Amino acid sequence: MKPSLSVSLKVYLGLMAFLVAIKLVLTYFPEVFRSPAQAAVFEWKFLAIWTVTGLLGVMLAARTGFPPAWGESGTNAKRIWLPLALGAALGAIAIITDLATGWTKLVAEKMHLPTIHIELPASALIYPGGAIIVEVIYRLLLIPLLLWLISGVILRGRQEERLLGAGGADFPS
């Protein structure tokens, strides 16, 4: 019998495929970026780094008892619509804050750019791609790595339930 991939790994590989698709689109339309720094995170070498660190994070997340990437079983409202609503609310707060403070205009002026924002339709690809990269760095790598180092390595499994909550993962000693 052929071994199957975990749900988390399948979701993660799908996200990495999306980043590759973004890179391919941007290869043919590089003018969508406002500055070279915006384009740099989608260079092939960085996509390789995100892929490898994310794979490490997926393995660590499984060892530390994180729920799978698609989440626990539940309704689509819980898995899709609630996060979309929360994201839209946070986006609205960011827009209102920017309108009140003008911070993006100040940043653009310091960078000698007309604006730091990427226009549609490119923003529909680039901003979700950036969110995937942030997810890899923080949620998939740093949080599980620190959790594993503290509870699994430094404390050698002691206080594991306290760090992980009820039903923590088993760590090899």
C-alpha atoms as a PDB file:
ATOM      1  CA  MET A   1       0.000   0.000   0.000  1.00  0.00           C
ATOM      2  CA  LYS A   2       1.290   3.436  -0.957  1.00  0.00           C
ATOM      3  CA  PRO A   3       1.818   5.821   2.013  1.00  0.00           C
ATOM      4  CA  SER A   4      -0.431   8.867   1.899  1.00  0.00           C
ATOM      5  CA  LEU A   5       0.551  12.434   2.596  1.00  0.00           C
ATOM      6  CA  SER A   6      -0.817  14.118   5.712  1.00  0.00           C
ATOM      7  CA  VAL A   7      -3.500  16.765   5.309  1.00  0.00           C
ATOM      8  CA  SER A   8      -1.085  19.423   6.576  1.00  0.00           C
ATOM      9  CA  LEU A   9       1.550  18.425   4.041  1.00  0.00           C
ATOM     10  CA  LYS A  10      -0.966  18.425   1.184  1.00  0.00           C
ATOM     11  CA  VAL A  11      -2.228  21.886   2.149  1.00  0.00           C
ATOM     12  CA  TYR A  12       1.331  23.161   2.535  1.00  0.00           C
ATOM     13  CA  LEU A  13       2.438  21.806  -0.852  1.00  0.00           C
ATOM     14  CA  GLY A  14      -0.631  23.436  -2.413  1.00  0.00           C
ATOM     15  CA  LEU A  15       0.374  26.780  -0.889  1.00  0.00           C
ATOM     16  CA  MET A  16       3.929  26.384  -2.203  1.00  0.00           C
ATOM     17  CA  ALA A  17       2.535  25.606  -5.665  1.00  0.00           C
ATOM     18  CA  PHE A  18       0.533  28.853  -5.417  1.00  0.00           C
ATOM     19  CA  LEU A  19       3.775  30.753  -4.619  1.00  0.00           C
ATOM     20  CA  VAL A  20       5.442  29.189  -7.659  1.00  0.00           C
ATOM     21  CA  ALA A  21       2.480  30.241  -9.812  1.00  0.00           C
ATOM     22  CA  ILE A  22       2.824  33.787  -8.469  1.00  0.00           C
ATOM     23  CA  LYS A  23       6.536  33.763  -9.304  1.00  0.00           C
ATOM     24  CA  LEU A  24       5.821  32.609 -12.845  1.00  0.00           C
ATOM     25  CA  VAL A  25       3.244  35.363 -13.370  1.00  0.00           C
ATOM     26  CA  LEU A  26       5.608  37.961 -11.930  1.00  0.00           C
ATOM     27  CA  THR A  27       8.441  36.766 -14.140  1.00  0.00           C
ATOM     28  CA  TYR A  28       6.443  37.927 -17.147  1.00  0.00           C
ATOM     29  CA  PHE A  29       4.988  41.056 -15.498  1.00  0.00           C
ATOM     30  CA  PRO A  30       7.712  42.400 -13.139  1.00  0.00           C
ATOM     31  CA  GLU A  31       6.473  45.986 -13.347  1.00  0.00           C
ATOM     32  CA  VAL A  32       3.694  45.293 -10.817  1.00  0.00           C
ATOM     33  CA  PHE A  33       6.097  45.817  -7.907  1.00  0.00           C
ATOM     34  CA  ARG A  34       6.699  49.304  -6.518  1.00  0.00           C
ATOM     35  CA  SER A  35      10.230  48.498  -5.376  1.00  0.00           C
ATOM     36  CA  PRO A  36      12.857  45.754  -5.763  1.00  0.00           C
ATOM     37  CA  ALA A  37      12.390  44.857  -2.090  1.00  0.00           C
ATOM     38  CA  GLN A  38       8.788  43.831  -2.766  1.00  0.00           C
ATOM     39  CA  ALA A  39       9.861  41.552  -5.609  1.00  0.00           C
ATOM     40  CA  ALA A  40      12.780  40.031  -3.687  1.00  0.00           C
ATOM     41  CA  VAL A  41      10.648  37.791  -1.469  1.00  0.00           C
ATOM     42  CA  PHE A  42       9.410  35.968  -4.578  1.00  0.00           C
ATOM     43  CA  GLU A  43      12.892  35.191  -5.986  1.00  0.00           C
ATOM     44  CA  TRP A  44      13.540  31.494  -6.602  1.00  0.00           C
ATOM     45  CA  LYS A  45      16.158  31.244  -3.840  1.00  0.00           C
ATOM     46  CA  PHE A  46      13.688  32.629  -1.302  1.00  0.00           C
ATOM     47  CA  LEU A  47      10.905  30.353  -2.539  1.00  0.00           C
ATOM     48  CA  ALA A  48      13.295  27.457  -1.904  1.00  0.00           C
ATOM     49  CA  ILE A  49      14.001  28.787   1.606  1.00  0.00           C
ATOM     50  CA  TRP A  50      10.270  29.215   2.351  1.00  0.00           C
ATOM     51  CA  THR A  51       9.604  25.686   1.073  1.00  0.00           C
ATOM     52  CA  VAL A  52      12.316  24.019   3.161  1.00  0.00           C
ATOM     53  CA  THR A  53      11.603  25.977   6.342  1.00  0.00           C
ATOM     54  CA  GLY A  54       7.889  25.373   5.931  1.00  0.00           C
ATOM     55  CA  LEU A  55       8.425  21.625   5.513  1.00  0.00           C
ATOM     56  CA  LEU A  56      10.456  21.647   8.714  1.00  0.00           C
ATOM     57  CA  GLY A  57       7.651  23.602  10.345  1.00  0.00           C
ATOM     58  CA  VAL A  58       4.992  21.118   9.176  1.00  0.00           C
ATOM     59  CA  MET A  59       7.012  18.275  10.730  1.00  0.00           C
ATOM     60  CA  LEU A  60       7.547  20.214  13.974  1.00  0.00           C
ATOM     61  CA  ALA A  61       3.886  21.247  14.123  1.00  0.00           C
ATOM     62  CA  ALA A  62       2.853  17.587  13.978  1.00  0.00           C
ATOM     63  CA  ARG A  63       5.310  16.734  16.775  1.00  0.00           C
ATOM     64  CA  THR A  64       4.098  19.559  19.004  1.00  0.00           C
ATOM     65  CA  GLY A  65       0.424  18.708  18.768  1.00  0.00           C
ATOM     66  CA  PHE A  66      -0.695  21.574  16.519  1.00  0.00           C
ATOM     67  CA  PRO A  67      -3.953  20.838  14.728  1.00  0.00           C
ATOM     68  CA  PRO A  68      -3.651  19.935  11.038  1.00  0.00           C
ATOM     69  CA  ALA A  69      -3.443  22.770   8.504  1.00  0.00           C
ATOM     70  CA  TRP A  70      -7.049  22.423   7.381  1.00  0.00           C
ATOM     71  CA  GLY A  71      -8.061  22.474  11.029  1.00  0.00           C
ATOM     72  CA  GLU A  72     -10.121  20.168  13.107  1.00  0.00           C
ATOM     73  CA  SER A  73     -13.248  18.721  11.619  1.00  0.00           C
ATOM     74  CA  GLY A  74     -16.042  21.215  11.484  1.00  0.00           C
ATOM     75  CA  THR A  75     -18.247  23.231   9.240  1.00  0.00           C
ATOM     76  CA  ASN A  76     -17.038  25.321   6.325  1.00  0.00           C
ATOM     77  CA  ALA A  77     -18.417  28.348   8.160  1.00  0.00           C
ATOM     78  CA  LYS A  78     -15.896  27.696  10.910  1.00  0.00           C
ATOM     79  CA  ARG A  79     -13.006  26.917   8.567  1.00  0.00           C
ATOM     80  CA  ILE A  80     -13.600  29.417   5.749  1.00  0.00           C
ATOM     81  CA  TRP A  81     -16.189  32.095   6.445  1.00  0.00           C
ATOM     82  CA  LEU A  82     -15.151  32.992   9.995  1.00  0.00           C
ATOM     83  CA  PRO A  83     -11.471  33.540   9.051  1.00  0.00           C
ATOM     84  CA  LEU A  84     -12.557  35.518   5.969  1.00  0.00           C
ATOM     85  CA  ALA A  85     -14.805  37.720   8.098  1.00  0.00           C
ATOM     86  CA  LEU A  86     -12.064  38.259  10.667  1.00  0.00           C
ATOM     87  CA  GLY A  87      -9.560  39.052   7.901  1.00  0.00           C
ATOM     88  CA  ALA A  88     -11.952  41.553   6.340  1.00  0.00           C
ATOM     89  CA  ALA A  89     -12.486  43.190   9.740  1.00  0.00           C
ATOM     90  CA  LEU A  90      -8.730  43.471  10.327  1.00  0.00           C
ATOM     91  CA  GLY A  91      -8.312  44.853   6.798  1.00  0.00           C
ATOM     92  CA  ALA A  92     -10.976  47.454   7.479  1.00  0.00           C
ATOM     93  CA  ILE A  93      -9.199  48.464  10.690  1.00  0.00           C
ATOM     94  CA  ALA A  94      -5.920  48.812   8.752  1.00  0.00           C
ATOM     95  CA  ILE A  95      -7.608  50.981   6.107  1.00  0.00           C
ATOM     96  CA  ILE A  96      -9.256  53.206   8.714  1.00  0.00           C
ATOM     97  CA  THR A  97      -5.937  53.533  10.573  1.00  0.00           C
ATOM     98  CA  ASP A  98      -4.166  54.479   7.344  1.00  0.00           C
ATOM     99  CA  LEU A  99      -6.824  57.052   6.473  1.00  0.00           C
ATOM    100  CA  ALA A 100      -6.555  58.558   9.955  1.00  0.00           C
ATOM    101  CA  THR A 101      -2.745  58.614  10.142  1.00  0.00           C
ATOM    102  CA  GLY A 102      -1.519  58.647   6.545  1.00  0.00           C
ATOM    103  CA  TRP A 103       1.281  56.225   7.457  1.00  0.00           C
ATOM    104  CA  THR A 104       1.476  54.526   4.026  1.00  0.00           C
ATOM    105  CA  LYS A 105       1.876  57.916   2.346  1.00  0.00           C
ATOM    106  CA  LEU A 106       4.746  58.731   4.721  1.00  0.00           C
ATOM    107  CA  VAL A 107       6.420  55.396   3.989  1.00  0.00           C
ATOM    108  CA  ALA A 108       6.026  55.912   0.229  1.00  0.00           C
ATOM    109  CA  GLU A 109       7.552  59.394   0.488  1.00  0.00           C
ATOM    110  CA  LYS A 110      10.559  58.029   2.409  1.00  0.00           C
ATOM    111  CA  MET A 111      11.034  55.388  -0.303  1.00  0.00           C
ATOM    112  CA  HIS A 112      10.548  57.961  -3.082  1.00  0.00           C
ATOM    113  CA  LEU A 113       7.568  56.040  -4.472  1.00  0.00           C
ATOM    114  CA  PRO A 114       4.134  57.315  -5.513  1.00  0.00           C
ATOM    115  CA  THR A 115       2.549  54.662  -3.260  1.00  0.00           C
ATOM    116  CA  ILE A 116       3.585  51.445  -1.523  1.00  0.00           C
ATOM    117  CA  HIS A 117       0.381  49.693  -2.572  1.00  0.00           C
ATOM    118  CA  ILE A 118       0.251  47.257  -5.457  1.00  0.00           C
ATOM    119  CA  GLU A 119      -2.715  47.795  -7.757  1.00  0.00           C
ATOM    120  CA  LEU A 120      -5.303  45.256  -8.890  1.00  0.00           C
ATOM    121  CA  PRO A 121      -5.125  42.685 -10.433  1.00  0.00           C
ATOM    122  CA  ALA A 122      -1.533  42.055  -9.281  1.00  0.00           C
ATOM    123  CA  SER A 123      -2.391  42.697  -5.624  1.00  0.00           C
ATOM    124  CA  ALA A 124      -4.853  39.779  -5.715  1.00  0.00           C
ATOM    125  CA  LEU A 125      -1.841  37.481  -6.206  1.00  0.00           C
ATOM    126  CA  ILE A 126       0.938  39.254  -4.368  1.00  0.00           C
ATOM    127  CA  TYR A 127      -0.765  40.017  -1.051  1.00  0.00           C
ATOM    128  CA  PRO A 128      -2.006  36.431  -0.488  1.00  0.00           C
ATOM    129  CA  GLY A 129       1.491  35.248  -1.455  1.00  0.00           C
ATOM    130  CA  GLY A 130       2.967  37.514   1.193  1.00  0.00           C
ATOM    131  CA  ALA A 131       0.483  36.160   3.729  1.00  0.00           C
ATOM    132  CA  ILE A 132       1.617  32.606   2.922  1.00  0.00           C
ATOM    133  CA  ILE A 133       5.252  33.590   3.480  1.00  0.00           C
ATOM    134  CA  VAL A 134       4.417  35.212   6.831  1.00  0.00           C
ATOM    135  CA  GLU A 135       2.486  32.056   7.800  1.00  0.00           C
ATOM    136  CA  VAL A 136       5.540  29.931   6.986  1.00  0.00           C
ATOM    137  CA  ILE A 137       7.890  32.100   9.023  1.00  0.00           C
ATOM    138  CA  TYR A 138       5.762  32.616  12.121  1.00  0.00           C
ATOM    139  CA  ARG A 139       3.168  29.904  12.465  1.00  0.00           C
ATOM    140  CA  LEU A 140       4.850  27.014  10.719  1.00  0.00           C
ATOM    141  CA  LEU A 141       8.440  27.592  11.789  1.00  0.00           C
ATOM    142  CA  LEU A 142       8.999  29.873  14.772  1.00  0.00           C
ATOM    143  CA  ILE A 143       6.099  28.879  17.013  1.00  0.00           C
ATOM    144  CA  PRO A 144       6.470  25.074  16.620  1.00  0.00           C
ATOM    145  CA  LEU A 145      10.287  25.342  16.770  1.00  0.00           C
ATOM    146  CA  LEU A 146      10.232  27.288  20.040  1.00  0.00           C
ATOM    147  CA  LEU A 147       7.556  25.013  21.464  1.00  0.00           C
ATOM    148  CA  TRP A 148       9.516  21.887  20.531  1.00  0.00           C
ATOM    149  CA  LEU A 149      12.805  23.312  21.852  1.00  0.00           C
ATOM    150  CA  ILE A 150      11.287  24.387  25.165  1.00  0.00           C
ATOM    151  CA  SER A 151       8.981  21.467  25.904  1.00  0.00           C
ATOM    152  CA  GLY A 152      10.720  18.651  24.050  1.00  0.00           C
ATOM    153  CA  VAL A 153      14.418  19.449  24.326  1.00  0.00           C
ATOM    154  CA  ILE A 154      15.033  21.801  27.261  1.00  0.00           C
ATOM    155  CA  LEU A 155      12.339  20.418  29.583  1.00  0.00           C
ATOM    156  CA  ARG A 156      12.591  16.882  28.106  1.00  0.00           C
ATOM    157  CA  GLY A 157       8.824  16.485  28.097  1.00  0.00           C
ATOM    158  CA  ARG A 158       8.283  17.807  31.623  1.00  0.00           C
ATOM    159  CA  GLN A 159       5.554  20.443  31.850  1.00  0.00           C
ATOM    160  CA  GLU A 160       4.528  19.390  28.345  1.00  0.00           C
ATOM    161  CA  GLU A 161       0.798  19.520  29.027  1.00  0.00           C
ATOM    162  CA  ARG A 162       1.163  22.957  30.554  1.00  0.00           C
ATOM    163  CA  LEU A 163       2.953  24.269  27.453  1.00  0.00           C
ATOM    164  CA  LEU A 164       0.774  22.488  24.916  1.00  0.00           C
ATOM    165  CA  GLY A 165      -2.534  22.423  26.741  1.00  0.00           C
ATOM    166  CA  ALA A 166      -4.482  19.272  27.481  1.00  0.00           C
ATOM    167  CA  GLY A 167      -3.550  16.269  25.350  1.00  0.00           C
ATOM    168  CA  GLY A 168      -0.043  17.453  24.381  1.00  0.00           C
ATOM    169  CA  ALA A 169       2.095  15.540  21.899  1.00  0.00           C
ATOM    170  CA  ASP A 170       4.603  12.904  22.966  1.00  0.00           C
ATOM    171  CA  PHE A 171       8.241  13.838  22.515  1.00  0.00           C
ATOM    172  CA  PRO A 172      11.110  11.409  22.242  1.00  0.00           C
ATOM    173  CA  SER A 173      13.506  11.720  25.193  1.00  0.00           C
END
